[in-house]
Amino acid sequence: MSLDQLKTFLGRMQDDPGLRQAVQAAATADDVALIAGRLGYEFSGDELLRLSGQKVGRVTVTKQDIPGEYN
C-alpha cells in the first residue's frame, strides 16, 4: 500500500540528513515522490499532499506555496 510506503519513507527521511536536505530542496511533491522512487518507495505526489498538515513521526508534512515565475 502506497500510504504505508510514504510513511516508511518519511521515517527514513527523519534519520537521514542528506535525504532530508534533498526533499527540502525539491520543488514539487512529485519531485519528492521521484526521490523516494529511486530509493524503492512507491507513492505519488498527490498522496504526499494529502498528508499536508499532518505529523508522521518527527516529520510534519507541509505544502509550500511558491508562486510561479512570470515573464
N, C-alpha and C. Protein backbone atom coordinates (compact mmCIF):
# COMPACT_ATOMS: atom_id res chain seq x y z
N MET A 1 0.85 -1.18 0.00
CA MET A 1 0.00 0.00 0.00
C MET A 1 0.89 1.24 0.00
N SER A 2 0.58 2.21 -0.85
CA SER A 2 1.47 3.34 -1.02
C SER A 2 1.50 4.29 0.18
N LEU A 3 0.42 4.37 0.95
CA LEU A 3 0.45 5.22 2.14
C LEU A 3 1.45 4.67 3.15
N ASP A 4 1.51 3.35 3.27
CA ASP A 4 2.50 2.73 4.15
C ASP A 4 3.91 3.03 3.65
N GLN A 5 4.10 2.96 2.33
CA GLN A 5 5.40 3.28 1.72
C GLN A 5 5.79 4.72 2.04
N LEU A 6 4.83 5.63 1.92
CA LEU A 6 5.07 7.04 2.19
C LEU A 6 5.48 7.25 3.64
N LYS A 7 4.77 6.64 4.56
CA LYS A 7 5.10 6.80 5.98
C LYS A 7 6.47 6.20 6.30
N THR A 8 6.80 5.08 5.67
CA THR A 8 8.12 4.48 5.87
C THR A 8 9.21 5.39 5.34
N PHE A 9 8.98 5.99 4.16
CA PHE A 9 9.94 6.93 3.58
C PHE A 9 10.14 8.13 4.51
N LEU A 10 9.06 8.69 5.04
CA LEU A 10 9.19 9.84 5.93
C LEU A 10 9.96 9.47 7.19
N GLY A 11 9.77 8.25 7.67
CA GLY A 11 10.55 7.78 8.82
C GLY A 11 12.03 7.71 8.50
N ARG A 12 12.35 7.22 7.31
CA ARG A 12 13.76 7.15 6.90
C ARG A 12 14.33 8.55 6.75
N MET A 13 13.52 9.46 6.20
CA MET A 13 13.98 10.82 5.96
C MET A 13 14.34 11.53 7.27
N GLN A 14 13.59 11.26 8.34
CA GLN A 14 13.87 11.97 9.59
C GLN A 14 15.21 11.57 10.19
N ASP A 15 15.74 10.41 9.81
CA ASP A 15 17.02 9.95 10.34
C ASP A 15 18.18 10.10 9.37
N ASP A 16 17.92 10.63 8.18
CA ASP A 16 18.95 10.75 7.14
C ASP A 16 19.07 12.21 6.71
N PRO A 17 20.06 12.95 7.24
CA PRO A 17 20.18 14.38 6.92
C PRO A 17 20.31 14.67 5.42
N GLY A 18 21.03 13.83 4.69
CA GLY A 18 21.19 14.05 3.25
C GLY A 18 19.88 13.90 2.51
N LEU A 19 19.11 12.90 2.88
CA LEU A 19 17.81 12.69 2.25
C LEU A 19 16.87 13.83 2.62
N ARG A 20 16.89 14.25 3.87
CA ARG A 20 16.05 15.36 4.31
C ARG A 20 16.36 16.62 3.51
N GLN A 21 17.65 16.88 3.28
CA GLN A 21 18.06 18.06 2.53
C GLN A 21 17.56 17.96 1.09
N ALA A 22 17.66 16.80 0.48
CA ALA A 22 17.19 16.61 -0.90
C ALA A 22 15.69 16.84 -0.99
N VAL A 23 14.95 16.34 -0.02
CA VAL A 23 13.49 16.52 -0.02
C VAL A 23 13.14 17.99 0.18
N GLN A 24 13.83 18.66 1.08
CA GLN A 24 13.54 20.07 1.32
C GLN A 24 13.88 20.94 0.11
N ALA A 25 14.83 20.50 -0.70
CA ALA A 25 15.21 21.26 -1.90
C ALA A 25 14.30 20.95 -3.10
N ALA A 26 13.47 19.91 -2.99
CA ALA A 26 12.59 19.53 -4.10
C ALA A 26 11.56 20.63 -4.34
N ALA A 27 11.25 20.87 -5.62
CA ALA A 27 10.33 21.94 -5.98
C ALA A 27 8.87 21.53 -5.85
N THR A 28 8.56 20.25 -6.05
CA THR A 28 7.17 19.81 -6.03
C THR A 28 7.04 18.49 -5.27
N ALA A 29 5.81 18.16 -4.94
CA ALA A 29 5.54 16.88 -4.29
C ALA A 29 5.89 15.73 -5.23
N ASP A 30 5.69 15.92 -6.53
CA ASP A 30 6.06 14.88 -7.49
C ASP A 30 7.57 14.66 -7.50
N ASP A 31 8.35 15.74 -7.29
CA ASP A 31 9.81 15.60 -7.21
C ASP A 31 10.20 14.77 -5.99
N VAL A 32 9.49 14.96 -4.88
CA VAL A 32 9.76 14.17 -3.68
C VAL A 32 9.43 12.70 -3.96
N ALA A 33 8.32 12.45 -4.66
CA ALA A 33 7.95 11.08 -5.00
C ALA A 33 9.01 10.44 -5.90
N LEU A 34 9.61 11.21 -6.79
CA LEU A 34 10.69 10.69 -7.65
C LEU A 34 11.93 10.33 -6.83
N ILE A 35 12.28 11.18 -5.88
CA ILE A 35 13.41 10.89 -5.00
C ILE A 35 13.15 9.59 -4.25
N ALA A 36 11.95 9.46 -3.72
CA ALA A 36 11.58 8.25 -2.99
C ALA A 36 11.59 7.03 -3.90
N GLY A 37 11.12 7.21 -5.12
CA GLY A 37 11.08 6.10 -6.08
C GLY A 37 12.47 5.55 -6.37
N ARG A 38 13.46 6.43 -6.42
CA ARG A 38 14.84 5.98 -6.65
C ARG A 38 15.37 5.13 -5.50
N LEU A 39 14.73 5.27 -4.35
CA LEU A 39 15.14 4.50 -3.16
C LEU A 39 14.23 3.29 -2.94
N GLY A 40 13.30 3.06 -3.87
CA GLY A 40 12.45 1.87 -3.79
C GLY A 40 11.09 2.09 -3.14
N TYR A 41 10.74 3.33 -2.85
CA TYR A 41 9.44 3.62 -2.26
C TYR A 41 8.48 4.04 -3.37
N GLU A 42 7.24 3.61 -3.27
CA GLU A 42 6.26 3.94 -4.30
C GLU A 42 5.07 4.68 -3.72
N PHE A 43 4.97 5.97 -4.06
CA PHE A 43 3.80 6.78 -3.74
C PHE A 43 3.82 7.97 -4.69
N SER A 44 2.69 8.64 -4.79
CA SER A 44 2.58 9.77 -5.71
C SER A 44 2.69 11.09 -4.96
N GLY A 45 2.93 12.14 -5.73
CA GLY A 45 2.95 13.47 -5.14
C GLY A 45 1.60 13.82 -4.54
N ASP A 46 0.51 13.38 -5.17
CA ASP A 46 -0.83 13.63 -4.64
C ASP A 46 -1.02 12.98 -3.27
N GLU A 47 -0.50 11.77 -3.12
CA GLU A 47 -0.60 11.09 -1.83
C GLU A 47 0.18 11.85 -0.76
N LEU A 48 1.33 12.38 -1.14
CA LEU A 48 2.11 13.18 -0.20
C LEU A 48 1.34 14.44 0.20
N LEU A 49 0.72 15.10 -0.78
CA LEU A 49 -0.02 16.32 -0.49
C LEU A 49 -1.22 16.06 0.42
N ARG A 50 -1.79 14.87 0.35
CA ARG A 50 -2.92 14.54 1.22
C ARG A 50 -2.52 14.50 2.70
N LEU A 51 -1.23 14.35 2.96
CA LEU A 51 -0.74 14.34 4.34
C LEU A 51 -0.34 15.74 4.83
N SER A 52 -0.53 16.76 3.98
CA SER A 52 -0.14 18.12 4.35
C SER A 52 -0.81 18.53 5.66
N GLY A 53 -0.01 19.06 6.56
CA GLY A 53 -0.50 19.50 7.85
C GLY A 53 -0.47 18.40 8.91
N GLN A 54 -0.14 17.18 8.51
CA GLN A 54 -0.09 16.07 9.47
C GLN A 54 1.35 15.78 9.88
N LYS A 55 1.48 15.24 11.06
CA LYS A 55 2.79 14.85 11.56
C LYS A 55 2.92 13.34 11.48
N VAL A 56 4.01 12.88 10.89
CA VAL A 56 4.31 11.45 10.77
C VAL A 56 5.65 11.25 11.45
N GLY A 57 5.64 10.63 12.62
CA GLY A 57 6.87 10.52 13.41
C GLY A 57 7.30 11.91 13.83
N ARG A 58 8.54 12.25 13.51
CA ARG A 58 9.05 13.59 13.83
C ARG A 58 8.99 14.52 12.62
N VAL A 59 8.33 14.09 11.55
CA VAL A 59 8.24 14.88 10.32
C VAL A 59 6.83 15.45 10.19
N THR A 60 6.74 16.76 9.99
CA THR A 60 5.46 17.38 9.68
C THR A 60 5.44 17.69 8.20
N VAL A 61 4.45 17.16 7.51
CA VAL A 61 4.33 17.37 6.06
C VAL A 61 3.67 18.73 5.85
N THR A 62 4.36 19.59 5.11
CA THR A 62 3.86 20.94 4.88
C THR A 62 3.93 21.27 3.40
N LYS A 63 2.79 21.67 2.85
CA LYS A 63 2.75 22.10 1.45
C LYS A 63 3.29 23.51 1.37
N GLN A 64 4.23 23.73 0.47
CA GLN A 64 4.81 25.05 0.27
C GLN A 64 4.12 25.72 -0.91
N ASP A 65 3.61 26.90 -0.68
CA ASP A 65 3.00 27.66 -1.77
C ASP A 65 4.05 28.63 -2.33
N ILE A 66 4.64 28.22 -3.43
CA ILE A 66 5.67 29.03 -4.08
C ILE A 66 5.09 29.57 -5.37
N PRO A 67 4.98 30.90 -5.48
CA PRO A 67 4.41 31.45 -6.70
C PRO A 67 5.30 31.18 -7.91
N GLY A 68 4.67 31.02 -9.06
CA GLY A 68 5.42 30.79 -10.29
C GLY A 68 6.12 32.05 -10.77
N GLU A 69 7.01 31.85 -11.70
CA GLU A 69 7.72 33.00 -12.29
C GLU A 69 6.90 33.55 -13.43
N TYR A 70 6.93 34.83 -13.56
CA TYR A 70 6.18 35.49 -14.64
C TYR A 70 7.15 36.30 -15.48
N ASN A 71 7.01 36.16 -16.78
CA ASN A 71 7.86 36.92 -17.70
C ASN A 71 7.06 38.03 -18.31
